Amino acid sequence: MWHIVILIGMLICAAMAIRAQRLLVSALWLAGASALVALWMYLLGAPEIAVIELSVGAGLVTVLFVFAINIAGEGGISGKVILPRWVSWGLLIVSIGLLAWFSLSGGFPAPGVPDGQLFKVNFWESRSVDVLLQIVIIFAGALGILGLLAEAKPHTKKGEE
């Protein structure tokens, strides 16, 4: 029961972080989502991961976002879209599917592990979830860098080249 409530809360916080008009409000919604992720990890039997998520995800990252927003300002960024909409939706659907699979099935099966410890064992000993998460983070970071470095070409009329 609590897992579903926390999952719904995480999804609401994440959606509000995306939809917020101000960057500071978005950073606070993201901190709320991260705090709920930490709570969820704790309930899944991984208190070490929960502490790391709470201190880094909800604490350090939020402080860095607020610091960067104060330095750079909240002005909008105009640039071209790097990823087509269908790729973004595809990645979102795959992410939700993986989240549901890991949540409902407990992840990859591990023989001889009690049900309450399955998530903890998979995350700390098997390392397959960790490697998958690192691949996703590196891919997201590369897409973020591409988005930052993308420059919109100025529109020129024919004959002015």
N, C-alpha and C. Protein backbone atom coordinates (compact mmCIF):
# COMPACT_ATOMS: atom_id res chain seq x y z
N MET A 1 0.83 -1.20 0.00
CA MET A 1 0.00 0.00 0.00
C MET A 1 0.87 1.26 0.00
N TRP A 2 1.85 1.31 0.94
CA TRP A 2 2.70 2.49 1.03
C TRP A 2 3.56 2.65 -0.22
N HIS A 3 3.93 1.54 -0.84
CA HIS A 3 4.75 1.62 -2.04
C HIS A 3 4.00 2.34 -3.16
N ILE A 4 2.73 2.07 -3.28
CA ILE A 4 1.93 2.71 -4.33
C ILE A 4 1.76 4.20 -4.04
N VAL A 5 1.52 4.55 -2.78
CA VAL A 5 1.36 5.96 -2.40
C VAL A 5 2.66 6.72 -2.67
N ILE A 6 3.79 6.13 -2.31
CA ILE A 6 5.08 6.79 -2.53
C ILE A 6 5.36 6.90 -4.02
N LEU A 7 5.06 5.86 -4.79
CA LEU A 7 5.27 5.89 -6.24
C LEU A 7 4.43 6.99 -6.89
N ILE A 8 3.19 7.11 -6.48
CA ILE A 8 2.34 8.17 -7.01
C ILE A 8 2.88 9.55 -6.62
N GLY A 9 3.34 9.69 -5.39
CA GLY A 9 3.94 10.94 -4.95
C GLY A 9 5.18 11.29 -5.75
N MET A 10 6.02 10.27 -6.03
CA MET A 10 7.22 10.52 -6.85
C MET A 10 6.85 10.99 -8.24
N LEU A 11 5.86 10.34 -8.84
CA LEU A 11 5.44 10.73 -10.19
C LEU A 11 4.85 12.14 -10.21
N ILE A 12 4.09 12.49 -9.18
CA ILE A 12 3.52 13.84 -9.11
C ILE A 12 4.63 14.87 -8.96
N CYS A 13 5.58 14.61 -8.07
CA CYS A 13 6.70 15.55 -7.88
C CYS A 13 7.52 15.69 -9.15
N ALA A 14 7.78 14.58 -9.82
CA ALA A 14 8.57 14.63 -11.06
C ALA A 14 7.82 15.41 -12.14
N ALA A 15 6.52 15.17 -12.27
CA ALA A 15 5.74 15.89 -13.27
C ALA A 15 5.68 17.39 -12.95
N MET A 16 5.54 17.72 -11.68
CA MET A 16 5.51 19.14 -11.31
C MET A 16 6.88 19.80 -11.51
N ALA A 17 7.96 19.04 -11.34
CA ALA A 17 9.29 19.58 -11.59
C ALA A 17 9.47 19.92 -13.06
N ILE A 18 8.87 19.13 -13.92
CA ILE A 18 8.96 19.39 -15.36
C ILE A 18 8.05 20.54 -15.76
N ARG A 19 6.88 20.62 -15.16
CA ARG A 19 5.88 21.61 -15.57
C ARG A 19 6.04 22.98 -14.91
N ALA A 20 6.87 23.08 -13.88
CA ALA A 20 7.02 24.35 -13.16
C ALA A 20 7.59 25.43 -14.09
N GLN A 21 7.06 26.63 -13.94
CA GLN A 21 7.50 27.74 -14.78
C GLN A 21 8.80 28.36 -14.29
N ARG A 22 9.03 28.32 -13.00
CA ARG A 22 10.25 28.90 -12.42
C ARG A 22 11.24 27.79 -12.09
N LEU A 23 12.51 28.05 -12.33
CA LEU A 23 13.53 27.04 -12.10
C LEU A 23 13.68 26.69 -10.62
N LEU A 24 13.54 27.67 -9.76
CA LEU A 24 13.68 27.42 -8.33
C LEU A 24 12.57 26.50 -7.82
N VAL A 25 11.36 26.73 -8.26
CA VAL A 25 10.23 25.87 -7.88
C VAL A 25 10.45 24.46 -8.43
N SER A 26 10.97 24.37 -9.65
CA SER A 26 11.27 23.07 -10.24
C SER A 26 12.32 22.31 -9.44
N ALA A 27 13.35 23.02 -8.96
CA ALA A 27 14.38 22.38 -8.15
C ALA A 27 13.80 21.85 -6.84
N LEU A 28 12.86 22.58 -6.26
CA LEU A 28 12.24 22.12 -5.01
C LEU A 28 11.36 20.90 -5.23
N TRP A 29 10.62 20.86 -6.34
CA TRP A 29 9.82 19.68 -6.66
C TRP A 29 10.74 18.48 -6.90
N LEU A 30 11.86 18.71 -7.55
CA LEU A 30 12.82 17.64 -7.77
C LEU A 30 13.38 17.11 -6.46
N ALA A 31 13.63 18.00 -5.51
CA ALA A 31 14.09 17.58 -4.18
C ALA A 31 13.03 16.73 -3.49
N GLY A 32 11.76 17.09 -3.65
CA GLY A 32 10.68 16.29 -3.08
C GLY A 32 10.62 14.90 -3.69
N ALA A 33 10.80 14.82 -5.02
CA ALA A 33 10.82 13.51 -5.69
C ALA A 33 11.99 12.68 -5.18
N SER A 34 13.14 13.31 -5.00
CA SER A 34 14.31 12.59 -4.52
C SER A 34 14.11 12.11 -3.08
N ALA A 35 13.48 12.91 -2.25
CA ALA A 35 13.20 12.50 -0.88
C ALA A 35 12.25 11.30 -0.85
N LEU A 36 11.27 11.29 -1.74
CA LEU A 36 10.35 10.15 -1.81
C LEU A 36 11.05 8.90 -2.34
N VAL A 37 11.99 9.08 -3.27
CA VAL A 37 12.78 7.94 -3.74
C VAL A 37 13.58 7.36 -2.57
N ALA A 38 14.16 8.24 -1.75
CA ALA A 38 14.92 7.77 -0.59
C ALA A 38 14.03 6.99 0.37
N LEU A 39 12.82 7.50 0.61
CA LEU A 39 11.89 6.79 1.48
C LEU A 39 11.53 5.42 0.91
N TRP A 40 11.33 5.37 -0.40
CA TRP A 40 10.98 4.12 -1.07
C TRP A 40 12.13 3.12 -0.95
N MET A 41 13.36 3.59 -1.15
CA MET A 41 14.52 2.70 -1.01
C MET A 41 14.62 2.15 0.42
N TYR A 42 14.33 2.99 1.39
CA TYR A 42 14.36 2.55 2.78
C TYR A 42 13.31 1.46 3.02
N LEU A 43 12.12 1.66 2.49
CA LEU A 43 11.05 0.66 2.67
C LEU A 43 11.35 -0.63 1.91
N LEU A 44 12.16 -0.55 0.85
CA LEU A 44 12.53 -1.75 0.11
C LEU A 44 13.66 -2.53 0.79
N GLY A 45 14.18 -1.99 1.90
CA GLY A 45 15.19 -2.71 2.65
C GLY A 45 16.62 -2.32 2.31
N ALA A 46 16.81 -1.13 1.75
CA ALA A 46 18.15 -0.67 1.42
C ALA A 46 18.41 0.68 2.09
N PRO A 47 18.64 0.67 3.41
CA PRO A 47 18.81 1.95 4.11
C PRO A 47 20.07 2.71 3.68
N GLU A 48 21.13 1.98 3.27
CA GLU A 48 22.34 2.66 2.83
C GLU A 48 22.08 3.48 1.57
N ILE A 49 21.36 2.90 0.64
CA ILE A 49 21.02 3.61 -0.60
C ILE A 49 20.11 4.78 -0.30
N ALA A 50 19.19 4.59 0.63
CA ALA A 50 18.27 5.66 0.99
C ALA A 50 19.01 6.86 1.57
N VAL A 51 20.00 6.60 2.42
CA VAL A 51 20.77 7.69 3.01
C VAL A 51 21.56 8.43 1.93
N ILE A 52 22.16 7.69 1.00
CA ILE A 52 22.91 8.32 -0.08
C ILE A 52 21.98 9.15 -0.96
N GLU A 53 20.83 8.61 -1.30
CA GLU A 53 19.87 9.35 -2.14
C GLU A 53 19.38 10.60 -1.44
N LEU A 54 19.09 10.48 -0.16
CA LEU A 54 18.59 11.63 0.58
C LEU A 54 19.65 12.72 0.69
N SER A 55 20.88 12.33 1.01
CA SER A 55 21.93 13.35 1.20
C SER A 55 22.40 13.93 -0.12
N VAL A 56 22.56 13.11 -1.14
CA VAL A 56 23.05 13.61 -2.42
C VAL A 56 21.92 14.14 -3.28
N GLY A 57 20.88 13.32 -3.50
CA GLY A 57 19.80 13.70 -4.39
C GLY A 57 18.96 14.86 -3.88
N ALA A 58 18.49 14.75 -2.65
CA ALA A 58 17.62 15.79 -2.11
C ALA A 58 18.41 16.93 -1.49
N GLY A 59 19.62 16.66 -1.02
CA GLY A 59 20.40 17.70 -0.35
C GLY A 59 21.36 18.42 -1.26
N LEU A 60 22.43 17.74 -1.64
CA LEU A 60 23.51 18.37 -2.40
C LEU A 60 23.06 18.88 -3.76
N VAL A 61 22.33 18.07 -4.50
CA VAL A 61 21.91 18.48 -5.84
C VAL A 61 20.98 19.69 -5.76
N THR A 62 20.09 19.72 -4.79
CA THR A 62 19.20 20.87 -4.64
C THR A 62 19.98 22.13 -4.32
N VAL A 63 20.95 22.02 -3.43
CA VAL A 63 21.78 23.18 -3.10
C VAL A 63 22.54 23.66 -4.33
N LEU A 64 23.09 22.73 -5.11
CA LEU A 64 23.81 23.12 -6.33
C LEU A 64 22.88 23.78 -7.35
N PHE A 65 21.67 23.24 -7.50
CA PHE A 65 20.70 23.85 -8.42
C PHE A 65 20.35 25.27 -7.99
N VAL A 66 20.07 25.45 -6.72
CA VAL A 66 19.71 26.79 -6.22
C VAL A 66 20.88 27.75 -6.41
N PHE A 67 22.10 27.29 -6.15
CA PHE A 67 23.29 28.12 -6.34
C PHE A 67 23.44 28.49 -7.81
N ALA A 68 23.29 27.53 -8.71
CA ALA A 68 23.43 27.80 -10.15
C ALA A 68 22.32 28.72 -10.65
N ILE A 69 21.11 28.56 -10.15
CA ILE A 69 20.00 29.43 -10.56
C ILE A 69 20.26 30.85 -10.09
N ASN A 70 20.79 31.01 -8.88
CA ASN A 70 21.09 32.35 -8.38
C ASN A 70 22.20 33.01 -9.19
N ILE A 71 23.17 32.25 -9.64
CA ILE A 71 24.26 32.83 -10.43
C ILE A 71 23.80 33.13 -11.86
N ALA A 72 23.16 32.18 -12.50
CA ALA A 72 22.80 32.32 -13.91
C ALA A 72 21.50 33.09 -14.13
N GLY A 73 20.65 33.14 -13.14
CA GLY A 73 19.36 33.78 -13.32
C GLY A 73 18.34 32.80 -13.86
N GLU A 74 17.11 33.25 -13.93
CA GLU A 74 16.04 32.37 -14.37
C GLU A 74 15.60 32.66 -15.80
N GLY A 75 16.44 33.29 -16.58
CA GLY A 75 16.08 33.58 -17.96
C GLY A 75 15.90 32.30 -18.76
N GLY A 76 15.03 32.33 -19.72
CA GLY A 76 14.77 31.17 -20.55
C GLY A 76 15.90 30.93 -21.54
N ILE A 77 16.02 29.69 -21.95
CA ILE A 77 17.03 29.31 -22.92
C ILE A 77 16.31 29.00 -24.22
N SER A 78 16.76 29.62 -25.27
CA SER A 78 16.15 29.33 -26.56
C SER A 78 17.15 28.52 -27.38
N GLY A 79 16.72 27.44 -27.89
CA GLY A 79 17.58 26.58 -28.68
C GLY A 79 16.73 25.54 -29.38
N LYS A 80 17.37 24.83 -30.29
CA LYS A 80 16.61 23.82 -31.01
C LYS A 80 16.53 22.54 -30.21
N VAL A 81 15.55 21.75 -30.50
CA VAL A 81 15.33 20.49 -29.82
C VAL A 81 16.27 19.44 -30.42
N ILE A 82 16.99 18.73 -29.54
CA ILE A 82 17.95 17.73 -30.00
C ILE A 82 17.26 16.40 -30.31
N LEU A 83 16.41 15.96 -29.39
CA LEU A 83 15.73 14.68 -29.55
C LEU A 83 14.34 14.87 -30.13
N PRO A 84 13.97 14.04 -31.09
CA PRO A 84 12.58 14.08 -31.55
C PRO A 84 11.64 13.66 -30.42
N ARG A 85 10.42 14.09 -30.51
CA ARG A 85 9.44 13.81 -29.46
C ARG A 85 9.21 12.31 -29.29
N TRP A 86 9.24 11.54 -30.37
CA TRP A 86 8.97 10.11 -30.27
C TRP A 86 10.10 9.39 -29.52
N VAL A 87 11.34 9.87 -29.62
CA VAL A 87 12.44 9.27 -28.87
C VAL A 87 12.26 9.56 -27.38
N SER A 88 11.88 10.79 -27.06
CA SER A 88 11.65 11.15 -25.66
C SER A 88 10.55 10.29 -25.04
N TRP A 89 9.45 10.14 -25.76
CA TRP A 89 8.35 9.32 -25.25
C TRP A 89 8.76 7.86 -25.14
N GLY A 90 9.55 7.37 -26.09
CA GLY A 90 10.02 5.99 -26.03
C GLY A 90 10.89 5.74 -24.82
N LEU A 91 11.81 6.68 -24.54
CA LEU A 91 12.66 6.54 -23.35
C LEU A 91 11.84 6.62 -22.07
N LEU A 92 10.82 7.47 -22.07
CA LEU A 92 9.95 7.57 -20.90
C LEU A 92 9.20 6.27 -20.66
N ILE A 93 8.67 5.68 -21.71
CA ILE A 93 7.91 4.43 -21.57
C ILE A 93 8.82 3.29 -21.12
N VAL A 94 10.04 3.22 -21.68
CA VAL A 94 10.99 2.18 -21.26
C VAL A 94 11.37 2.37 -19.79
N SER A 95 11.58 3.63 -19.38
CA SER A 95 11.94 3.90 -17.98
C SER A 95 10.82 3.50 -17.03
N ILE A 96 9.59 3.84 -17.38
CA ILE A 96 8.45 3.46 -16.53
C ILE A 96 8.30 1.95 -16.49
N GLY A 97 8.51 1.28 -17.62
CA GLY A 97 8.44 -0.17 -17.65
C GLY A 97 9.49 -0.82 -16.78
N LEU A 98 10.73 -0.32 -16.84
CA LEU A 98 11.79 -0.84 -15.98
C LEU A 98 11.49 -0.59 -14.51
N LEU A 99 10.99 0.61 -14.21
CA LEU A 99 10.64 0.92 -12.83
C LEU A 99 9.56 -0.02 -12.31
N ALA A 100 8.55 -0.26 -13.13
CA ALA A 100 7.47 -1.18 -12.72
C ALA A 100 7.99 -2.60 -12.55
N TRP A 101 8.86 -3.03 -13.47
CA TRP A 101 9.39 -4.39 -13.39
C TRP A 101 10.23 -4.57 -12.13
N PHE A 102 11.13 -3.61 -11.84
CA PHE A 102 11.97 -3.72 -10.66
C PHE A 102 11.14 -3.59 -9.38
N SER A 103 10.09 -2.80 -9.43
CA SER A 103 9.26 -2.61 -8.24
C SER A 103 8.39 -3.83 -7.95
N LEU A 104 7.77 -4.36 -8.97
CA LEU A 104 6.81 -5.44 -8.76
C LEU A 104 7.47 -6.81 -8.64
N SER A 105 8.54 -7.04 -9.41
CA SER A 105 9.16 -8.36 -9.38
C SER A 105 10.34 -8.42 -8.44
N GLY A 106 10.82 -7.27 -7.99
CA GLY A 106 11.99 -7.26 -7.12
C GLY A 106 13.29 -7.25 -7.89
N GLY A 107 13.23 -7.11 -9.21
CA GLY A 107 14.45 -7.05 -10.02
C GLY A 107 14.85 -8.42 -10.52
N PHE A 108 16.14 -8.61 -10.70
CA PHE A 108 16.65 -9.88 -11.19
C PHE A 108 16.57 -10.92 -10.09
N PRO A 109 16.16 -12.15 -10.43
CA PRO A 109 16.02 -13.17 -9.38
C PRO A 109 17.38 -13.56 -8.80
N ALA A 110 17.40 -13.74 -7.51
CA ALA A 110 18.61 -14.20 -6.83
C ALA A 110 18.24 -15.41 -6.00
N PRO A 111 18.89 -16.56 -6.24
CA PRO A 111 18.51 -17.78 -5.51
C PRO A 111 18.90 -17.70 -4.04
N GLY A 112 18.02 -18.18 -3.19
CA GLY A 112 18.31 -18.28 -1.77
C GLY A 112 18.25 -16.98 -1.00
N VAL A 113 17.61 -15.95 -1.54
CA VAL A 113 17.53 -14.66 -0.87
C VAL A 113 16.10 -14.45 -0.38
N PRO A 114 15.92 -14.09 0.89
CA PRO A 114 14.57 -13.82 1.38
C PRO A 114 13.93 -12.66 0.61
N ASP A 115 12.61 -12.68 0.50
CA ASP A 115 11.90 -11.66 -0.28
C ASP A 115 12.17 -10.25 0.19
N GLY A 116 12.27 -10.03 1.48
CA GLY A 116 12.49 -8.69 2.01
C GLY A 116 13.86 -8.14 1.69
N GLN A 117 14.82 -9.00 1.39
CA GLN A 117 16.20 -8.57 1.12
C GLN A 117 16.55 -8.60 -0.36
N LEU A 118 15.62 -8.97 -1.23
CA LEU A 118 15.91 -9.16 -2.64
C LEU A 118 16.42 -7.88 -3.28
N PHE A 119 15.78 -6.75 -3.01
CA PHE A 119 16.21 -5.49 -3.61
C PHE A 119 17.61 -5.12 -3.15
N LYS A 120 17.86 -5.24 -1.87
CA LYS A 120 19.16 -4.88 -1.31
C LYS A 120 20.26 -5.76 -1.90
N VAL A 121 20.03 -7.06 -1.98
CA VAL A 121 21.03 -7.97 -2.53
C VAL A 121 21.29 -7.66 -4.00
N ASN A 122 20.24 -7.43 -4.76
CA ASN A 122 20.40 -7.12 -6.18
C ASN A 122 21.16 -5.82 -6.38
N PHE A 123 20.86 -4.85 -5.57
CA PHE A 123 21.47 -3.53 -5.77
C PHE A 123 22.93 -3.51 -5.33
N TRP A 124 23.26 -4.21 -4.25
CA TRP A 124 24.63 -4.12 -3.70
C TRP A 124 25.53 -5.27 -4.13
N GLU A 125 24.99 -6.47 -4.32
CA GLU A 125 25.86 -7.61 -4.60
C GLU A 125 25.87 -8.00 -6.07
N SER A 126 24.73 -7.99 -6.71
CA SER A 126 24.66 -8.41 -8.10
C SER A 126 25.24 -7.35 -9.03
N ARG A 127 25.05 -6.11 -8.72
CA ARG A 127 25.57 -4.94 -9.44
C ARG A 127 25.01 -4.80 -10.86
N SER A 128 24.10 -5.66 -11.29
CA SER A 128 23.54 -5.52 -12.63
C SER A 128 22.63 -4.29 -12.70
N VAL A 129 21.89 -4.01 -11.65
CA VAL A 129 21.04 -2.82 -11.62
C VAL A 129 21.91 -1.57 -11.57
N ASP A 130 23.00 -1.64 -10.84
CA ASP A 130 23.92 -0.52 -10.72
C ASP A 130 24.53 -0.17 -12.08
N VAL A 131 24.96 -1.19 -12.81
CA VAL A 131 25.55 -0.95 -14.12
C VAL A 131 24.51 -0.37 -15.07
N LEU A 132 23.30 -0.89 -15.04
CA LEU A 132 22.23 -0.36 -15.88
C LEU A 132 21.95 1.10 -15.55
N LEU A 133 21.91 1.42 -14.26
CA LEU A 133 21.68 2.80 -13.84
C LEU A 133 22.81 3.71 -14.29
N GLN A 134 24.05 3.26 -14.20
CA GLN A 134 25.18 4.07 -14.65
C GLN A 134 25.12 4.32 -16.14
N ILE A 135 24.71 3.34 -16.92
CA ILE A 135 24.57 3.53 -18.37
C ILE A 135 23.51 4.58 -18.66
N VAL A 136 22.39 4.52 -17.97
CA VAL A 136 21.33 5.50 -18.16
C VAL A 136 21.80 6.90 -17.78
N ILE A 137 22.52 7.02 -16.68
CA ILE A 137 23.00 8.32 -16.23
C ILE A 137 24.01 8.90 -17.22
N ILE A 138 24.93 8.07 -17.72
CA ILE A 138 25.90 8.55 -18.70
C ILE A 138 25.20 8.99 -19.98
N PHE A 139 24.22 8.22 -20.43
CA PHE A 139 23.46 8.58 -21.63
C PHE A 139 22.70 9.89 -21.42
N ALA A 140 22.07 10.04 -20.26
CA ALA A 140 21.34 11.28 -19.98
C ALA A 140 22.29 12.47 -19.89
N GLY A 141 23.46 12.26 -19.31
CA GLY A 141 24.46 13.34 -19.24
C GLY A 141 24.94 13.75 -20.62
N ALA A 142 25.17 12.77 -21.49
CA ALA A 142 25.60 13.08 -22.85
C ALA A 142 24.52 13.86 -23.59
N LEU A 143 23.27 13.48 -23.43
CA LEU A 143 22.18 14.22 -24.07
C LEU A 143 22.06 15.63 -23.50
N GLY A 144 22.30 15.78 -22.18
CA GLY A 144 22.28 17.10 -21.57
C GLY A 144 23.38 17.99 -22.11
N ILE A 145 24.57 17.44 -22.28
CA ILE A 145 25.69 18.21 -22.85
C ILE A 145 25.38 18.60 -24.29
N LEU A 146 24.83 17.68 -25.06
CA LEU A 146 24.44 18.01 -26.44
C LEU A 146 23.43 19.15 -26.46
N GLY A 147 22.49 19.11 -25.52
CA GLY A 147 21.50 20.18 -25.45
C GLY A 147 22.12 21.51 -25.08
N LEU A 148 23.12 21.51 -24.20
CA LEU A 148 23.77 22.75 -23.82
C LEU A 148 24.64 23.32 -24.94
N LEU A 149 25.26 22.43 -25.70
CA LEU A 149 26.17 22.88 -26.75
C LEU A 149 25.50 23.15 -28.08
N ALA A 150 24.23 22.77 -28.21
CA ALA A 150 23.53 22.98 -29.47
C ALA A 150 23.30 24.47 -29.70
N GLU A 151 23.59 24.89 -30.89
CA GLU A 151 23.37 26.28 -31.25
C GLU A 151 22.33 26.33 -32.36
N ALA A 152 21.42 27.24 -32.23
CA ALA A 152 20.42 27.42 -33.28
C ALA A 152 21.05 28.23 -34.41
N LYS A 153 20.91 27.73 -35.63
CA LYS A 153 21.44 28.44 -36.78
C LYS A 153 20.51 29.61 -37.11
N PRO A 154 21.09 30.78 -37.40
CA PRO A 154 20.23 31.90 -37.75
C PRO A 154 19.56 31.65 -39.09
N HIS A 155 18.33 32.10 -39.20
CA HIS A 155 17.59 31.94 -40.44
C HIS A 155 18.10 32.96 -41.46
N THR A 156 18.45 32.48 -42.62
CA THR A 156 18.90 33.37 -43.69
C THR A 156 17.97 33.25 -44.87
N LYS A 157 17.80 34.33 -45.56
CA LYS A 157 16.98 34.29 -46.76
C LYS A 157 17.81 33.76 -47.91
N LYS A 158 17.13 33.25 -48.91
CA LYS A 158 17.83 32.73 -50.07
C LYS A 158 18.57 33.87 -50.76
N GLY A 159 19.79 33.65 -51.12
CA GLY A 159 20.59 34.67 -51.78
C GLY A 159 21.45 35.47 -50.84
N GLU A 160 21.30 35.30 -49.51
CA GLU A 160 22.10 36.05 -48.53
C GLU A 160 23.20 35.19 -47.94
N GLU A 161 23.54 34.09 -48.60
CA GLU A 161 24.51 33.17 -48.01
C GLU A 161 25.88 33.59 -48.23
